[in-house]
Structures are given as C-alpha cells and as structure tokens.
Amino acid sequence: QVRLVESGGGLVQAGGSLRLSCSASGPPESLGSLHGWTWYRQAPGAQREQIAFMPNGGTARYDDAVKDRFALSRDLAKNTVYLQMNNLKPEDTGRYYCNSWPPGDHLWGQGIQVTVSS
C-alpha cells in the first residue's frame, strides 16, 4: 500500500516562499504503478481543488491561480515530489495535499497547512 506524507508547510508572509514535499512509501511495484503526481489545495470553507499535476514523462501543468509562481518537481531516487511556491499570496492559504495522477481515493494523506499573512 502506497502512503503519501506531506511536509514543509507553515506560516509565511505575503511575497515569501515555501517548498512542500510529498514523500511516497510502499512496495516498489505499487510505487511503480503510479502514473504521475498531483498537488491539491483546500482553502478554508472551500472544496479541494487541483493546482498542479505532472504525468510521468510529461511536463507539469498548473492552475491559472498558481501558474508562474509554483513549480512541481520530483526526485525519483527519493520517491519525493516537491511543490516550490514563490511570491505567495494570502489567497494561497489552505491545506495542501499530494496524490497520484490521476488521484487515488486511498492515497489521500493528512495534508499540510500553509498560511500566508498579508
């Protein structure tokens, strides 16, 4: 069973940066069956929304709200996916989750809180 754990969140002032990490663990055959990675965000009182995804062997795609500020990358050797977030805005506040692409219901983790102060 693959398990995803997010880390790297916190409180940051507007204009600042954070790098989120998503560490994947599990049997190699299960990890190898994932077709890509996705980052989601759930703002207070809102539904969880996809903000970035990258199919294996493909390029990352971003929601317009984060395009040119966020960058998804991965380190295959570490089974870790990153979300570099620059020029953060108060509206980026929320809980961030990673999942596979396409997402698996059984892969949702606890997420990590990001709070951007104005």
Protein backbone atom coordinates (compact mmCIF):
# COMPACT_ATOMS: atom_id res chain seq x y z
CA GLN A 1 0.00 0.00 0.00
CA VAL A 2 1.42 3.37 -1.02
CA ARG A 3 1.46 6.05 1.64
CA LEU A 4 1.94 9.77 0.96
CA VAL A 5 3.12 12.21 3.60
CA GLU A 6 3.23 15.94 3.02
CA SER A 7 5.61 18.29 4.83
CA GLY A 8 7.14 21.75 4.57
CA GLY A 9 4.15 23.94 5.26
CA GLY A 10 3.92 26.75 7.75
CA LEU A 11 3.27 30.43 8.20
CA VAL A 12 4.85 32.86 5.77
CA GLN A 13 4.38 36.49 4.87
CA ALA A 14 2.98 37.52 1.53
CA GLY A 15 5.71 37.52 -1.07
CA GLY A 16 7.59 34.74 0.65
CA SER A 17 8.34 31.21 -0.45
CA LEU A 18 7.84 27.69 0.79
CA ARG A 19 8.73 24.29 -0.59
CA LEU A 20 6.34 21.47 0.12
CA SER A 21 7.46 17.86 -0.02
CA CYS A 22 5.43 14.74 -0.61
CA SER A 23 7.21 11.55 0.37
CA ALA A 24 5.89 8.31 -1.05
CA SER A 25 6.48 4.96 0.56
CA GLY A 26 5.31 1.47 -0.16
CA PRO A 27 6.12 -1.62 -2.19
CA PRO A 28 8.23 -0.82 -5.27
CA GLU A 29 5.68 -2.43 -7.55
CA SER A 30 2.95 -0.20 -6.12
CA LEU A 31 5.05 2.95 -6.43
CA GLY A 32 5.92 2.00 -9.96
CA SER A 33 2.27 1.69 -10.90
CA LEU A 34 1.57 5.38 -10.28
CA HIS A 35 1.26 7.37 -13.48
CA GLY A 36 2.11 10.81 -12.18
CA TRP A 37 1.65 13.27 -9.38
CA THR A 38 -0.79 15.97 -8.38
CA TRP A 39 -0.91 18.72 -5.82
CA TYR A 40 -4.25 19.91 -4.44
CA ARG A 41 -5.23 22.79 -2.22
CA GLN A 42 -8.22 23.23 0.03
CA ALA A 43 -8.85 26.79 1.11
CA PRO A 44 -10.89 27.46 4.25
CA GLY A 45 -14.55 26.79 3.56
CA ALA A 46 -13.86 25.62 0.01
CA GLN A 47 -13.59 22.34 -1.79
CA ARG A 48 -10.27 20.73 -2.52
CA GLU A 49 -9.00 21.77 -5.92
CA GLN A 50 -6.21 20.60 -8.17
CA ILE A 51 -3.47 23.18 -8.62
CA ALA A 52 -0.69 21.28 -10.34
CA PHE A 53 -0.07 17.89 -11.89
CA MET A 54 2.63 16.10 -13.82
CA PRO A 55 2.20 12.81 -15.66
CA ASN A 56 5.22 10.53 -15.68
CA GLY A 57 7.38 11.54 -18.60
CA GLY A 58 5.33 14.66 -19.16
CA THR A 59 5.51 18.30 -18.24
CA ALA A 60 3.88 19.93 -15.27
CA ARG A 61 0.62 21.80 -15.72
CA TYR A 62 -0.72 24.44 -13.39
CA ASP A 63 -3.95 26.11 -12.47
CA ASP A 64 -4.01 29.73 -13.60
CA ALA A 65 -4.09 30.87 -9.96
CA VAL A 66 -0.58 29.48 -9.34
CA LYS A 67 0.96 29.45 -12.78
CA ASP A 68 4.34 31.22 -12.95
CA ARG A 69 4.62 31.15 -9.15
CA PHE A 70 4.53 27.45 -8.28
CA ALA A 71 6.71 24.67 -9.67
CA LEU A 72 6.20 20.93 -9.33
CA SER A 73 9.23 18.68 -9.44
CA ARG A 74 10.16 15.22 -8.30
CA ASP A 75 13.16 13.23 -7.16
CA LEU A 76 12.67 9.66 -8.31
CA ALA A 77 15.55 8.36 -6.22
CA LYS A 78 13.90 9.70 -3.08
CA ASN A 79 10.31 8.92 -4.14
CA THR A 80 9.54 12.52 -3.31
CA VAL A 81 7.56 15.18 -5.11
CA TYR A 82 8.01 18.86 -4.41
CA LEU A 83 5.96 21.99 -4.84
CA GLN A 84 8.07 25.13 -4.83
CA MET A 85 5.82 28.06 -4.03
CA ASN A 86 7.10 31.58 -4.67
CA ASN A 87 5.55 35.01 -4.31
CA LEU A 88 2.92 33.58 -2.01
CA LYS A 89 -0.32 35.46 -1.59
CA PRO A 90 -2.90 35.40 1.22
CA GLU A 91 -5.27 33.57 -1.13
CA ASP A 92 -2.77 30.70 -1.27
CA THR A 93 -3.69 29.91 2.33
CA GLY A 94 -5.06 26.42 2.71
CA ARG A 95 -4.27 22.81 3.31
CA TYR A 96 -2.16 21.22 0.62
CA TYR A 97 -2.33 17.60 -0.40
CA CYS A 98 -0.47 15.45 -2.85
CA ASN A 99 -1.85 12.47 -4.68
CA SER A 100 -1.09 10.43 -7.73
CA TRP A 101 -2.22 11.41 -11.19
CA PRO A 102 -4.95 10.51 -11.70
CA PRO A 103 -5.74 10.68 -7.98
CA GLY A 104 -6.40 7.60 -5.91
CA ASP A 105 -9.02 7.74 -3.17
CA HIS A 106 -6.88 5.53 -0.98
CA LEU A 107 -3.86 7.84 -1.26
CA TRP A 108 -5.13 10.94 0.48
CA GLY A 109 -2.94 11.87 3.40
CA GLN A 110 -3.30 14.41 6.16
CA GLY A 111 -2.09 17.27 4.03
CA ILE A 112 -0.04 20.18 5.25
CA GLN A 113 -1.21 23.63 6.27
CA VAL A 114 0.10 26.74 4.53
CA THR A 115 -0.86 30.11 5.92
CA VAL A 116 0.12 33.32 4.15
CA SER A 117 -0.22 36.51 6.12
CA SER A 118 -0.76 39.88 4.47
